[in-house]
Structures are given as structure tokens and as C-alpha cells.
Amino acid sequence: MVAIMGLVVQLYAIMDPIAALPQLLRVAESLNPSDVKALINKVSLTVLVLLTVFTLGGNYILMVFGISITSLKVAGGVILMAVALDTLITGHKPSKIEIGEYAVVPLATPLIVGPGTMTLLIMSTGIYGLLNTLVAAYIAFIGIYITLRFSSQIVRLLGPTFVNGLGRFMSLIIASFAAEMLLKGVKEFVEAI
């Protein structure tokens, strides 16, 4: 149970919905409340589907393309580090959000479910097993949904400065995880030689 909760925390940190709140609220400003709720539901459903697909089918996707877990660790670590550094420097996750149907794609992926999340899910099925990884992903999803659903209240309660600071702190955690992933991948490459 401790391992699952650790994975839940890692997944929530990597998906980092706090850093996506400013973009979500920017889109929400021009929408009526029912459209905002519909947008959050679409984003949440997309996140849930992506979490399920990459947990259940991620290893098969790698097999089809002939990619090893070691290569995925290195590539995922590099990409995740780039995203974390950009977020640390700019204070927000990189992406242009457009109003309308297109808002779901940048918000759900790559802002929330990006390469780091996909990599962690695929790696975790080998470490914790498929069922435990799926349970952890769904628990993390509940946290994501709650964060998105109450985004305006969170920003109003904590203030935009605190939310941006928290997003940057989460980026530091993501950068640390990226370094760990990258180092493990490089170590596995060296050991295989």
C-alpha cells in the first residue's frame, strides 16, 4: 500500500495540474459556467482514458516500435527535464491554449498527461504490477479531477502568486524525477555494454 501511495504522489507531481491552472482559468474566463464544467469534464475524461491506455497498453506500444524500457527512461528523462526546466524558468507549463474543442488536447495532453506520465506508467507496470499501477493512476486521477474542478476556488483561496510558486516547486520535483529516470537509463545502457 505504501508503494502504491508513493506512486500516486509521483503521478500527481508529474501530471502537475497546479501548473495547468493558469491556462485553464485563462480559457475559462471567456466561457459560461456550464461550458467550463463541460471543458473540465472533457479534459478529465481524456486524462482518464490516457492513463488507462498507457497503463494497460504501454508495454505493447513499445514492443510494436521496438523500443526498450531503458531507451524510454533516457528519452522520457530528457523530455521531462526540458519541460520541468521550462516550467521553472517561465513559471508555467509550455503550451498555447486556444478556446474551443482544441483546449482539451493541450490541457489533457501534453500539459497534464505528458511524456513523463507515460514513461512512469509504463515503467511502473514492470515494477509494481499492472493492477497496482492502474489503482495508483486512478487515485492520482481523482486528485487531478478535484484540482481541476475547484481550480478557480484554489486560485482564489491561495492566490495566483502562491499557485505559481507551488507550480514551480512541483517542477523541481519533476526535474528531480527526470534526473533519476535519466541516470537509471544511462546506468542500464552502460551495464548492458
N, C-alpha and C. Protein backbone atom coordinates (compact mmCIF):
# COMPACT_ATOMS: atom_id res chain seq x y z
N MET A 1 0.83 -1.20 0.00
CA MET A 1 0.00 0.00 0.00
C MET A 1 0.87 1.26 0.00
N VAL A 2 1.99 1.21 0.74
CA VAL A 2 2.90 2.36 0.78
C VAL A 2 3.47 2.62 -0.61
N ALA A 3 3.82 1.54 -1.32
CA ALA A 3 4.37 1.69 -2.67
C ALA A 3 3.34 2.32 -3.60
N ILE A 4 2.08 1.91 -3.48
CA ILE A 4 1.03 2.47 -4.33
C ILE A 4 0.86 3.95 -4.04
N MET A 5 0.85 4.33 -2.76
CA MET A 5 0.67 5.73 -2.40
C MET A 5 1.87 6.56 -2.87
N GLY A 6 3.07 5.99 -2.82
CA GLY A 6 4.24 6.68 -3.35
C GLY A 6 4.10 6.92 -4.85
N LEU A 7 3.58 5.92 -5.56
CA LEU A 7 3.36 6.05 -6.99
C LEU A 7 2.27 7.09 -7.27
N VAL A 8 1.23 7.13 -6.44
CA VAL A 8 0.17 8.13 -6.58
C VAL A 8 0.77 9.53 -6.49
N VAL A 9 1.62 9.75 -5.50
CA VAL A 9 2.25 11.06 -5.30
C VAL A 9 3.13 11.40 -6.50
N GLN A 10 3.92 10.43 -6.99
CA GLN A 10 4.76 10.67 -8.17
C GLN A 10 3.91 11.04 -9.39
N LEU A 11 2.85 10.29 -9.61
CA LEU A 11 1.99 10.56 -10.77
C LEU A 11 1.35 11.94 -10.67
N TYR A 12 0.83 12.28 -9.49
CA TYR A 12 0.22 13.59 -9.32
C TYR A 12 1.24 14.70 -9.56
N ALA A 13 2.46 14.50 -9.01
CA ALA A 13 3.50 15.52 -9.19
C ALA A 13 3.90 15.66 -10.65
N ILE A 14 4.01 14.56 -11.37
CA ILE A 14 4.41 14.62 -12.77
C ILE A 14 3.29 15.22 -13.63
N MET A 15 2.05 14.87 -13.33
CA MET A 15 0.94 15.45 -14.10
C MET A 15 0.77 16.93 -13.76
N ASP A 16 1.12 17.31 -12.55
CA ASP A 16 1.20 18.70 -12.09
C ASP A 16 0.03 19.57 -12.56
N PRO A 17 -1.18 19.26 -12.09
CA PRO A 17 -2.32 20.06 -12.52
C PRO A 17 -2.27 21.51 -12.01
N ILE A 18 -1.53 21.74 -10.93
CA ILE A 18 -1.41 23.10 -10.39
C ILE A 18 -0.81 24.04 -11.45
N ALA A 19 0.21 23.56 -12.17
CA ALA A 19 0.85 24.39 -13.20
C ALA A 19 -0.07 24.61 -14.39
N ALA A 20 -1.08 23.75 -14.57
CA ALA A 20 -2.02 23.92 -15.69
C ALA A 20 -3.18 24.86 -15.33
N LEU A 21 -3.33 25.19 -14.04
CA LEU A 21 -4.46 26.02 -13.62
C LEU A 21 -4.50 27.39 -14.29
N PRO A 22 -3.37 28.12 -14.39
CA PRO A 22 -3.46 29.43 -15.06
C PRO A 22 -4.00 29.34 -16.49
N GLN A 23 -3.55 28.32 -17.25
CA GLN A 23 -4.04 28.17 -18.62
C GLN A 23 -5.53 27.80 -18.63
N LEU A 24 -5.93 26.94 -17.73
CA LEU A 24 -7.33 26.55 -17.63
C LEU A 24 -8.20 27.75 -17.29
N LEU A 25 -7.77 28.56 -16.35
CA LEU A 25 -8.55 29.73 -15.95
C LEU A 25 -8.58 30.79 -17.05
N ARG A 26 -7.51 30.89 -17.82
CA ARG A 26 -7.49 31.83 -18.94
C ARG A 26 -8.55 31.44 -19.97
N VAL A 27 -8.67 30.14 -20.25
CA VAL A 27 -9.70 29.67 -21.17
C VAL A 27 -11.08 29.87 -20.55
N ALA A 28 -11.21 29.60 -19.25
CA ALA A 28 -12.49 29.67 -18.56
C ALA A 28 -13.06 31.08 -18.49
N GLU A 29 -12.20 32.10 -18.54
CA GLU A 29 -12.66 33.49 -18.45
C GLU A 29 -13.68 33.84 -19.53
N SER A 30 -13.53 33.28 -20.70
CA SER A 30 -14.43 33.64 -21.81
C SER A 30 -15.58 32.65 -21.99
N LEU A 31 -15.72 31.70 -21.06
CA LEU A 31 -16.78 30.71 -21.18
C LEU A 31 -17.82 30.91 -20.08
N ASN A 32 -19.03 30.45 -20.34
CA ASN A 32 -20.04 30.48 -19.27
C ASN A 32 -19.81 29.28 -18.35
N PRO A 33 -20.36 29.31 -17.13
CA PRO A 33 -20.08 28.24 -16.14
C PRO A 33 -20.38 26.83 -16.63
N SER A 34 -21.44 26.64 -17.40
CA SER A 34 -21.73 25.28 -17.86
C SER A 34 -20.70 24.81 -18.88
N ASP A 35 -20.18 25.73 -19.69
CA ASP A 35 -19.13 25.37 -20.65
C ASP A 35 -17.82 25.06 -19.94
N VAL A 36 -17.54 25.77 -18.85
CA VAL A 36 -16.33 25.49 -18.06
C VAL A 36 -16.42 24.09 -17.47
N LYS A 37 -17.59 23.77 -16.92
CA LYS A 37 -17.79 22.42 -16.36
C LYS A 37 -17.63 21.35 -17.44
N ALA A 38 -18.19 21.61 -18.62
CA ALA A 38 -18.07 20.66 -19.73
C ALA A 38 -16.61 20.51 -20.15
N LEU A 39 -15.88 21.63 -20.19
CA LEU A 39 -14.46 21.58 -20.55
C LEU A 39 -13.68 20.74 -19.53
N ILE A 40 -13.91 20.98 -18.25
CA ILE A 40 -13.21 20.21 -17.21
C ILE A 40 -13.56 18.73 -17.32
N ASN A 41 -14.82 18.42 -17.61
CA ASN A 41 -15.21 17.02 -17.77
C ASN A 41 -14.53 16.38 -18.98
N LYS A 42 -14.41 17.13 -20.10
CA LYS A 42 -13.73 16.60 -21.29
C LYS A 42 -12.25 16.37 -21.01
N VAL A 43 -11.62 17.34 -20.37
CA VAL A 43 -10.20 17.21 -20.03
C VAL A 43 -10.02 16.01 -19.11
N SER A 44 -10.88 15.89 -18.10
CA SER A 44 -10.76 14.79 -17.14
C SER A 44 -10.96 13.44 -17.79
N LEU A 45 -11.95 13.33 -18.65
CA LEU A 45 -12.19 12.07 -19.36
C LEU A 45 -11.00 11.70 -20.23
N THR A 46 -10.44 12.69 -20.92
CA THR A 46 -9.26 12.44 -21.75
C THR A 46 -8.09 11.96 -20.90
N VAL A 47 -7.87 12.60 -19.75
CA VAL A 47 -6.80 12.19 -18.84
C VAL A 47 -7.03 10.75 -18.38
N LEU A 48 -8.26 10.41 -17.99
CA LEU A 48 -8.57 9.06 -17.54
C LEU A 48 -8.31 8.03 -18.63
N VAL A 49 -8.72 8.33 -19.85
CA VAL A 49 -8.50 7.40 -20.97
C VAL A 49 -7.00 7.22 -21.23
N LEU A 50 -6.26 8.32 -21.24
CA LEU A 50 -4.81 8.23 -21.49
C LEU A 50 -4.11 7.44 -20.39
N LEU A 51 -4.48 7.66 -19.14
CA LEU A 51 -3.88 6.90 -18.04
C LEU A 51 -4.15 5.41 -18.22
N THR A 52 -5.37 5.07 -18.60
CA THR A 52 -5.74 3.67 -18.79
C THR A 52 -4.98 3.06 -19.96
N VAL A 53 -4.94 3.77 -21.08
CA VAL A 53 -4.28 3.25 -22.29
C VAL A 53 -2.80 3.01 -22.03
N PHE A 54 -2.11 3.97 -21.42
CA PHE A 54 -0.67 3.80 -21.23
C PHE A 54 -0.34 2.82 -20.11
N THR A 55 -1.25 2.62 -19.17
CA THR A 55 -1.01 1.59 -18.15
C THR A 55 -1.23 0.20 -18.74
N LEU A 56 -2.33 0.03 -19.44
CA LEU A 56 -2.67 -1.30 -19.97
C LEU A 56 -1.89 -1.65 -21.24
N GLY A 57 -1.63 -0.66 -22.10
CA GLY A 57 -1.04 -0.98 -23.40
C GLY A 57 0.33 -0.40 -23.66
N GLY A 58 0.90 0.31 -22.70
CA GLY A 58 2.19 0.98 -22.92
C GLY A 58 3.30 0.04 -23.33
N ASN A 59 3.41 -1.10 -22.65
CA ASN A 59 4.47 -2.06 -23.00
C ASN A 59 4.29 -2.62 -24.40
N TYR A 60 3.04 -2.82 -24.80
CA TYR A 60 2.77 -3.32 -26.16
C TYR A 60 3.13 -2.26 -27.21
N ILE A 61 2.86 -1.01 -26.88
CA ILE A 61 3.23 0.08 -27.80
C ILE A 61 4.74 0.10 -27.99
N LEU A 62 5.48 -0.08 -26.90
CA LEU A 62 6.95 -0.13 -27.00
C LEU A 62 7.40 -1.30 -27.85
N MET A 63 6.76 -2.47 -27.66
CA MET A 63 7.13 -3.66 -28.45
C MET A 63 6.91 -3.43 -29.93
N VAL A 64 5.78 -2.82 -30.28
CA VAL A 64 5.46 -2.57 -31.68
C VAL A 64 6.55 -1.71 -32.33
N PHE A 65 7.04 -0.71 -31.61
CA PHE A 65 8.05 0.19 -32.16
C PHE A 65 9.47 -0.27 -31.87
N GLY A 66 9.64 -1.38 -31.16
CA GLY A 66 10.97 -1.92 -30.87
C GLY A 66 11.78 -1.05 -29.92
N ILE A 67 11.12 -0.43 -28.96
CA ILE A 67 11.79 0.47 -28.01
C ILE A 67 11.92 -0.25 -26.67
N SER A 68 13.11 -0.18 -26.10
CA SER A 68 13.33 -0.82 -24.80
C SER A 68 12.94 0.13 -23.68
N ILE A 69 12.71 -0.44 -22.51
CA ILE A 69 12.40 0.36 -21.33
C ILE A 69 13.57 1.30 -21.02
N THR A 70 14.78 0.82 -21.21
CA THR A 70 15.97 1.64 -20.97
C THR A 70 15.95 2.88 -21.85
N SER A 71 15.67 2.70 -23.15
CA SER A 71 15.59 3.84 -24.06
C SER A 71 14.47 4.79 -23.65
N LEU A 72 13.35 4.24 -23.21
CA LEU A 72 12.24 5.06 -22.76
C LEU A 72 12.63 5.89 -21.54
N LYS A 73 13.39 5.28 -20.63
CA LYS A 73 13.85 6.03 -19.44
C LYS A 73 14.72 7.21 -19.85
N VAL A 74 15.65 6.99 -20.76
CA VAL A 74 16.54 8.07 -21.19
C VAL A 74 15.74 9.16 -21.91
N ALA A 75 14.94 8.77 -22.89
CA ALA A 75 14.16 9.75 -23.65
C ALA A 75 13.16 10.47 -22.75
N GLY A 76 12.46 9.72 -21.92
CA GLY A 76 11.49 10.32 -21.01
C GLY A 76 12.16 11.26 -20.02
N GLY A 77 13.33 10.88 -19.54
CA GLY A 77 14.07 11.74 -18.61
C GLY A 77 14.50 13.05 -19.25
N VAL A 78 14.97 12.97 -20.49
CA VAL A 78 15.40 14.18 -21.20
C VAL A 78 14.20 15.11 -21.46
N ILE A 79 13.11 14.55 -21.97
CA ILE A 79 11.93 15.37 -22.28
C ILE A 79 11.33 15.95 -21.00
N LEU A 80 11.23 15.12 -19.98
CA LEU A 80 10.66 15.57 -18.72
C LEU A 80 11.52 16.67 -18.10
N MET A 81 12.84 16.54 -18.22
CA MET A 81 13.74 17.57 -17.70
C MET A 81 13.55 18.88 -18.46
N ALA A 82 13.39 18.79 -19.78
CA ALA A 82 13.18 20.00 -20.58
C ALA A 82 11.89 20.71 -20.17
N VAL A 83 10.82 19.95 -19.97
CA VAL A 83 9.55 20.54 -19.56
C VAL A 83 9.67 21.15 -18.16
N ALA A 84 10.33 20.42 -17.25
CA ALA A 84 10.48 20.92 -15.88
C ALA A 84 11.31 22.20 -15.85
N LEU A 85 12.39 22.24 -16.62
CA LEU A 85 13.22 23.45 -16.65
C LEU A 85 12.47 24.63 -17.25
N ASP A 86 11.72 24.37 -18.33
CA ASP A 86 10.94 25.45 -18.93
C ASP A 86 9.91 25.98 -17.93
N THR A 87 9.27 25.08 -17.20
CA THR A 87 8.28 25.50 -16.21
C THR A 87 8.93 26.26 -15.07
N LEU A 88 10.11 25.82 -14.65
CA LEU A 88 10.82 26.53 -13.58
C LEU A 88 11.21 27.94 -14.00
N ILE A 89 11.64 28.07 -15.24
CA ILE A 89 12.10 29.37 -15.73
C ILE A 89 10.94 30.31 -16.02
N THR A 90 9.92 29.80 -16.73
CA THR A 90 8.82 30.67 -17.16
C THR A 90 7.69 30.76 -16.14
N GLY A 91 7.57 29.75 -15.27
CA GLY A 91 6.51 29.76 -14.28
C GLY A 91 5.22 29.10 -14.75
N HIS A 92 5.19 28.59 -15.97
CA HIS A 92 4.00 27.89 -16.46
C HIS A 92 4.44 26.79 -17.40
N LYS A 93 3.55 25.80 -17.55
CA LYS A 93 3.84 24.72 -18.48
C LYS A 93 3.78 25.25 -19.91
N PRO A 94 4.70 24.77 -20.76
CA PRO A 94 4.71 25.28 -22.13
C PRO A 94 3.53 24.75 -22.94
N SER A 95 2.80 25.64 -23.54
CA SER A 95 1.76 25.28 -24.49
C SER A 95 0.90 26.50 -24.77
N LYS A 96 0.36 26.54 -25.95
CA LYS A 96 -0.58 27.61 -26.29
C LYS A 96 -1.97 27.02 -26.20
N ILE A 97 -2.81 27.63 -25.39
CA ILE A 97 -4.16 27.15 -25.21
C ILE A 97 -5.10 27.98 -26.07
N GLU A 98 -5.90 27.32 -26.88
CA GLU A 98 -6.90 28.02 -27.68
C GLU A 98 -8.27 27.62 -27.16
N ILE A 99 -9.19 28.57 -27.24
CA ILE A 99 -10.54 28.32 -26.77
C ILE A 99 -11.25 27.42 -27.77
N GLY A 100 -12.11 26.57 -27.27
CA GLY A 100 -12.89 25.68 -28.13
C GLY A 100 -12.48 24.24 -27.90
N GLU A 101 -12.80 23.41 -28.87
CA GLU A 101 -12.50 21.98 -28.77
C GLU A 101 -11.01 21.70 -28.63
N TYR A 102 -10.17 22.60 -29.18
CA TYR A 102 -8.73 22.39 -29.14
C TYR A 102 -8.16 22.51 -27.73
N ALA A 103 -8.91 23.11 -26.82
CA ALA A 103 -8.41 23.30 -25.46
C ALA A 103 -8.21 21.97 -24.74
N VAL A 104 -8.97 20.95 -25.11
CA VAL A 104 -8.84 19.65 -24.44
C VAL A 104 -7.47 19.05 -24.72
N VAL A 105 -7.03 19.12 -25.98
CA VAL A 105 -5.77 18.48 -26.34
C VAL A 105 -4.57 19.11 -25.62
N PRO A 106 -4.38 20.41 -25.64
CA PRO A 106 -3.21 20.91 -24.91
C PRO A 106 -3.34 20.77 -23.39
N LEU A 107 -4.57 20.86 -22.86
CA LEU A 107 -4.72 20.75 -21.41
C LEU A 107 -4.51 19.30 -20.94
N ALA A 108 -5.25 18.37 -21.53
CA ALA A 108 -5.15 16.98 -21.10
C ALA A 108 -3.80 16.37 -21.47
N THR A 109 -3.38 16.62 -22.69
CA THR A 109 -2.07 16.18 -23.14
C THR A 109 -1.52 17.20 -24.11
N PRO A 110 -0.38 17.69 -23.94
CA PRO A 110 0.71 17.24 -23.07
C PRO A 110 0.80 17.94 -21.71
N LEU A 111 -0.08 18.92 -21.41
CA LEU A 111 0.08 19.62 -20.14
C LEU A 111 -0.07 18.72 -18.92
N ILE A 112 -1.09 17.86 -18.90
CA ILE A 112 -1.28 17.01 -17.72
C ILE A 112 -0.69 15.63 -17.96
N VAL A 113 -1.11 14.94 -19.00
CA VAL A 113 -0.53 13.63 -19.31
C VAL A 113 0.47 13.83 -20.44
N GLY A 114 1.73 13.99 -20.04
CA GLY A 114 2.80 14.19 -20.99
C GLY A 114 3.73 13.00 -21.03
N PRO A 115 4.91 13.18 -21.61
CA PRO A 115 5.85 12.07 -21.75
C PRO A 115 6.31 11.47 -20.42
N GLY A 116 6.45 12.30 -19.41
CA GLY A 116 6.87 11.79 -18.10
C GLY A 116 5.84 10.88 -17.49
N THR A 117 4.57 11.26 -17.60
CA THR A 117 3.48 10.42 -17.08
C THR A 117 3.44 9.10 -17.82
N MET A 118 3.54 9.17 -19.14
CA MET A 118 3.51 7.95 -19.94
C MET A 118 4.66 7.03 -19.58
N THR A 119 5.84 7.59 -19.44
CA THR A 119 7.02 6.80 -19.10
C THR A 119 6.86 6.17 -17.72
N LEU A 120 6.42 6.95 -16.75
CA LEU A 120 6.25 6.43 -15.39
C LEU A 120 5.22 5.31 -15.36
N LEU A 121 4.13 5.45 -16.07
CA LEU A 121 3.11 4.40 -16.09
C LEU A 121 3.66 3.11 -16.68
N ILE A 122 4.35 3.22 -17.80
CA ILE A 122 4.90 2.02 -18.46
C ILE A 122 5.94 1.35 -17.56
N MET A 123 6.83 2.15 -16.98
CA MET A 123 7.86 1.58 -16.10
C MET A 123 7.23 0.96 -14.86
N SER A 124 6.21 1.60 -14.32
CA SER A 124 5.61 1.14 -13.07
C SER A 124 4.90 -0.20 -13.21
N THR A 125 4.38 -0.49 -14.41
CA THR A 125 3.73 -1.79 -14.58
C THR A 125 4.74 -2.93 -14.38
N GLY A 126 5.99 -2.69 -14.76
CA GLY A 126 7.03 -3.70 -14.55
C GLY A 126 7.49 -3.77 -13.11
N ILE A 127 7.41 -2.67 -12.39
CA ILE A 127 7.89 -2.62 -11.01
C ILE A 127 6.79 -3.03 -10.02
N TYR A 128 5.60 -2.44 -10.16
CA TYR A 128 4.52 -2.65 -9.18
C TYR A 128 3.44 -3.60 -9.65
N GLY A 129 3.46 -3.94 -10.93
CA GLY A 129 2.41 -4.78 -11.49
C GLY A 129 1.32 -3.93 -12.12
N LEU A 130 0.60 -4.55 -13.02
CA LEU A 130 -0.43 -3.85 -13.78
C LEU A 130 -1.55 -3.33 -12.88
N LEU A 131 -2.08 -4.17 -12.01
CA LEU A 131 -3.21 -3.78 -11.17
C LEU A 131 -2.84 -2.64 -10.21
N ASN A 132 -1.69 -2.75 -9.54
CA ASN A 132 -1.27 -1.70 -8.62
C ASN A 132 -1.04 -0.38 -9.33
N THR A 133 -0.46 -0.44 -10.53
CA THR A 133 -0.22 0.78 -11.30
C THR A 133 -1.54 1.41 -11.72
N LEU A 134 -2.48 0.59 -12.14
CA LEU A 134 -3.79 1.10 -12.55
C LEU A 134 -4.52 1.74 -11.36
N VAL A 135 -4.47 1.10 -10.21
CA VAL A 135 -5.09 1.66 -8.99
C VAL A 135 -4.45 3.00 -8.65
N ALA A 136 -3.12 3.06 -8.68
CA ALA A 136 -2.41 4.31 -8.37
C ALA A 136 -2.78 5.40 -9.38
N ALA A 137 -2.87 5.04 -10.65
CA ALA A 137 -3.23 6.01 -11.69
C ALA A 137 -4.63 6.56 -11.45
N TYR A 138 -5.56 5.70 -11.06
CA TYR A 138 -6.93 6.15 -10.83
C TYR A 138 -7.04 7.01 -9.56
N ILE A 139 -6.27 6.68 -8.54
CA ILE A 139 -6.27 7.52 -7.34
C ILE A 139 -5.68 8.90 -7.67
N ALA A 140 -4.59 8.92 -8.42
CA ALA A 140 -3.99 10.20 -8.84
C ALA A 140 -4.99 10.98 -9.70
N PHE A 141 -5.73 10.27 -10.55
CA PHE A 141 -6.74 10.92 -11.39
C PHE A 141 -7.78 11.64 -10.54
N ILE A 142 -8.20 11.02 -9.45
CA ILE A 142 -9.18 11.66 -8.56
C ILE A 142 -8.62 12.99 -8.05
N GLY A 143 -7.34 13.00 -7.68
CA GLY A 143 -6.71 14.25 -7.24
C GLY A 143 -6.66 15.27 -8.36
N ILE A 144 -6.38 14.83 -9.59
CA ILE A 144 -6.35 15.72 -10.74
C ILE A 144 -7.73 16.32 -10.97
N TYR A 145 -8.75 15.47 -10.95
CA TYR A 145 -10.11 15.94 -11.18
C TYR A 145 -10.53 16.98 -10.13
N ILE A 146 -10.25 16.69 -8.87
CA ILE A 146 -10.59 17.63 -7.79
C ILE A 146 -9.87 18.96 -8.00
N THR A 147 -8.59 18.89 -8.37
CA THR A 147 -7.82 20.12 -8.61
C THR A 147 -8.42 20.93 -9.75
N LEU A 148 -8.76 20.27 -10.85
CA LEU A 148 -9.35 20.97 -11.99
C LEU A 148 -10.74 21.50 -11.66
N ARG A 149 -11.54 20.68 -11.01
CA ARG A 149 -12.93 21.04 -10.70
C ARG A 149 -13.00 22.28 -9.80
N PHE A 150 -12.06 22.39 -8.88
CA PHE A 150 -12.07 23.51 -7.95
C PHE A 150 -10.94 24.50 -8.24
N SER A 151 -10.55 24.58 -9.51
CA SER A 151 -9.42 25.43 -9.90
C SER A 151 -9.61 26.90 -9.53
N SER A 152 -10.77 27.44 -9.82
CA SER A 152 -10.96 28.87 -9.51
C SER A 152 -10.97 29.11 -8.00
N GLN A 153 -11.54 28.19 -7.24
CA GLN A 153 -11.53 28.33 -5.78
C GLN A 153 -10.11 28.19 -5.22
N ILE A 154 -9.34 27.29 -5.79
CA ILE A 154 -7.96 27.10 -5.34
C ILE A 154 -7.15 28.37 -5.57
N VAL A 155 -7.26 28.93 -6.76
CA VAL A 155 -6.51 30.15 -7.08
C VAL A 155 -7.00 31.32 -6.23
N ARG A 156 -8.33 31.41 -6.03
CA ARG A 156 -8.88 32.48 -5.20
C ARG A 156 -8.43 32.34 -3.74
N LEU A 157 -8.42 31.11 -3.22
CA LEU A 157 -8.04 30.85 -1.83
C LEU A 157 -6.54 31.07 -1.60
N LEU A 158 -5.72 30.50 -2.48
CA LEU A 158 -4.27 30.55 -2.29
C LEU A 158 -3.63 31.78 -2.91
N GLY A 159 -4.27 32.33 -3.93
CA GLY A 159 -3.71 33.47 -4.64
C GLY A 159 -2.85 33.02 -5.80
N PRO A 160 -2.84 33.81 -6.86
CA PRO A 160 -2.08 33.42 -8.05
C PRO A 160 -0.58 33.30 -7.80
N THR A 161 -0.03 34.13 -6.92
CA THR A 161 1.41 34.07 -6.63
C THR A 161 1.77 32.74 -5.98
N PHE A 162 0.96 32.31 -5.00
CA PHE A 162 1.22 31.05 -4.32
C PHE A 162 1.07 29.87 -5.29
N VAL A 163 0.03 29.92 -6.13
CA VAL A 163 -0.20 28.85 -7.10
C VAL A 163 0.98 28.75 -8.06
N ASN A 164 1.46 29.90 -8.55
CA ASN A 164 2.63 29.88 -9.44
C ASN A 164 3.86 29.34 -8.71
N GLY A 165 4.04 29.75 -7.46
CA GLY A 165 5.17 29.24 -6.67
C GLY A 165 5.08 27.74 -6.44
N LEU A 166 3.87 27.27 -6.15
CA LEU A 166 3.66 25.83 -5.95
C LEU A 166 3.92 25.08 -7.25
N GLY A 167 3.50 25.66 -8.37
CA GLY A 167 3.77 25.04 -9.67
C GLY A 167 5.26 24.92 -9.93
N ARG A 168 6.02 25.95 -9.55
CA ARG A 168 7.48 25.90 -9.73
C ARG A 168 8.11 24.87 -8.80
N PHE A 169 7.61 24.76 -7.58
CA PHE A 169 8.13 23.74 -6.66
C PHE A 169 7.87 22.35 -7.23
N MET A 170 6.66 22.14 -7.77
CA MET A 170 6.35 20.84 -8.37
C MET A 170 7.28 20.58 -9.55
N SER A 171 7.66 21.63 -10.27
CA SER A 171 8.60 21.47 -11.38
C SER A 171 9.97 21.01 -10.89
N LEU A 172 10.36 21.46 -9.71
CA LEU A 172 11.61 20.99 -9.12
C LEU A 172 11.54 19.50 -8.81
N ILE A 173 10.40 19.07 -8.29
CA ILE A 173 10.19 17.64 -8.02
C ILE A 173 10.24 16.86 -9.34
N ILE A 174 9.60 17.39 -10.37
CA ILE A 174 9.60 16.73 -11.68
C ILE A 174 11.02 16.66 -12.24
N ALA A 175 11.79 17.74 -12.10
CA ALA A 175 13.18 17.74 -12.58
C ALA A 175 13.99 16.69 -11.84
N SER A 176 13.76 16.55 -10.55
CA SER A 176 14.47 15.52 -9.76
C SER A 176 14.11 14.13 -10.24
N PHE A 177 12.83 13.91 -10.50
CA PHE A 177 12.40 12.61 -11.02
C PHE A 177 13.00 12.37 -12.40
N ALA A 178 13.05 13.41 -13.23
CA ALA A 178 13.64 13.28 -14.57
C ALA A 178 15.11 12.90 -14.49
N ALA A 179 15.84 13.53 -13.56
CA ALA A 179 17.26 13.20 -13.39
C ALA A 179 17.42 11.75 -12.97
N GLU A 180 16.57 11.32 -12.04
CA GLU A 180 16.61 9.92 -11.59
C GLU A 180 16.34 8.96 -12.73
N MET A 181 15.33 9.26 -13.52
CA MET A 181 14.97 8.41 -14.66
C MET A 181 16.10 8.36 -15.68
N LEU A 182 16.67 9.52 -15.99
CA LEU A 182 17.75 9.61 -16.96
C LEU A 182 18.99 8.86 -16.48
N LEU A 183 19.36 9.04 -15.22
CA LEU A 183 20.54 8.36 -14.67
C LEU A 183 20.36 6.84 -14.65
N LYS A 184 19.15 6.38 -14.29
CA LYS A 184 18.90 4.93 -14.30
C LYS A 184 19.00 4.37 -15.72
N GLY A 185 18.46 5.11 -16.69
CA GLY A 185 18.53 4.66 -18.08
C GLY A 185 19.96 4.59 -18.58
N VAL A 186 20.77 5.62 -18.29
CA VAL A 186 22.18 5.63 -18.71
C VAL A 186 22.94 4.50 -18.02
N LYS A 187 22.66 4.29 -16.73
CA LYS A 187 23.33 3.21 -15.99
C LYS A 187 23.00 1.85 -16.62
N GLU A 188 21.75 1.66 -17.00
CA GLU A 188 21.34 0.39 -17.65
C GLU A 188 22.03 0.22 -19.00
N PHE A 189 22.17 1.32 -19.76
CA PHE A 189 22.89 1.26 -21.03
C PHE A 189 24.35 0.84 -20.81
N VAL A 190 25.00 1.46 -19.84
CA VAL A 190 26.41 1.18 -19.56
C VAL A 190 26.57 -0.27 -19.10
N GLU A 191 25.68 -0.74 -18.23
CA GLU A 191 25.77 -2.12 -17.74
C GLU A 191 25.54 -3.13 -18.86
N ALA A 192 24.75 -2.77 -19.86
CA ALA A 192 24.46 -3.68 -20.96
C ALA A 192 25.64 -3.83 -21.94
N ILE A 193 26.58 -2.85 -21.89
CA ILE A 193 27.71 -2.87 -22.82
C ILE A 193 28.74 -3.89 -22.41
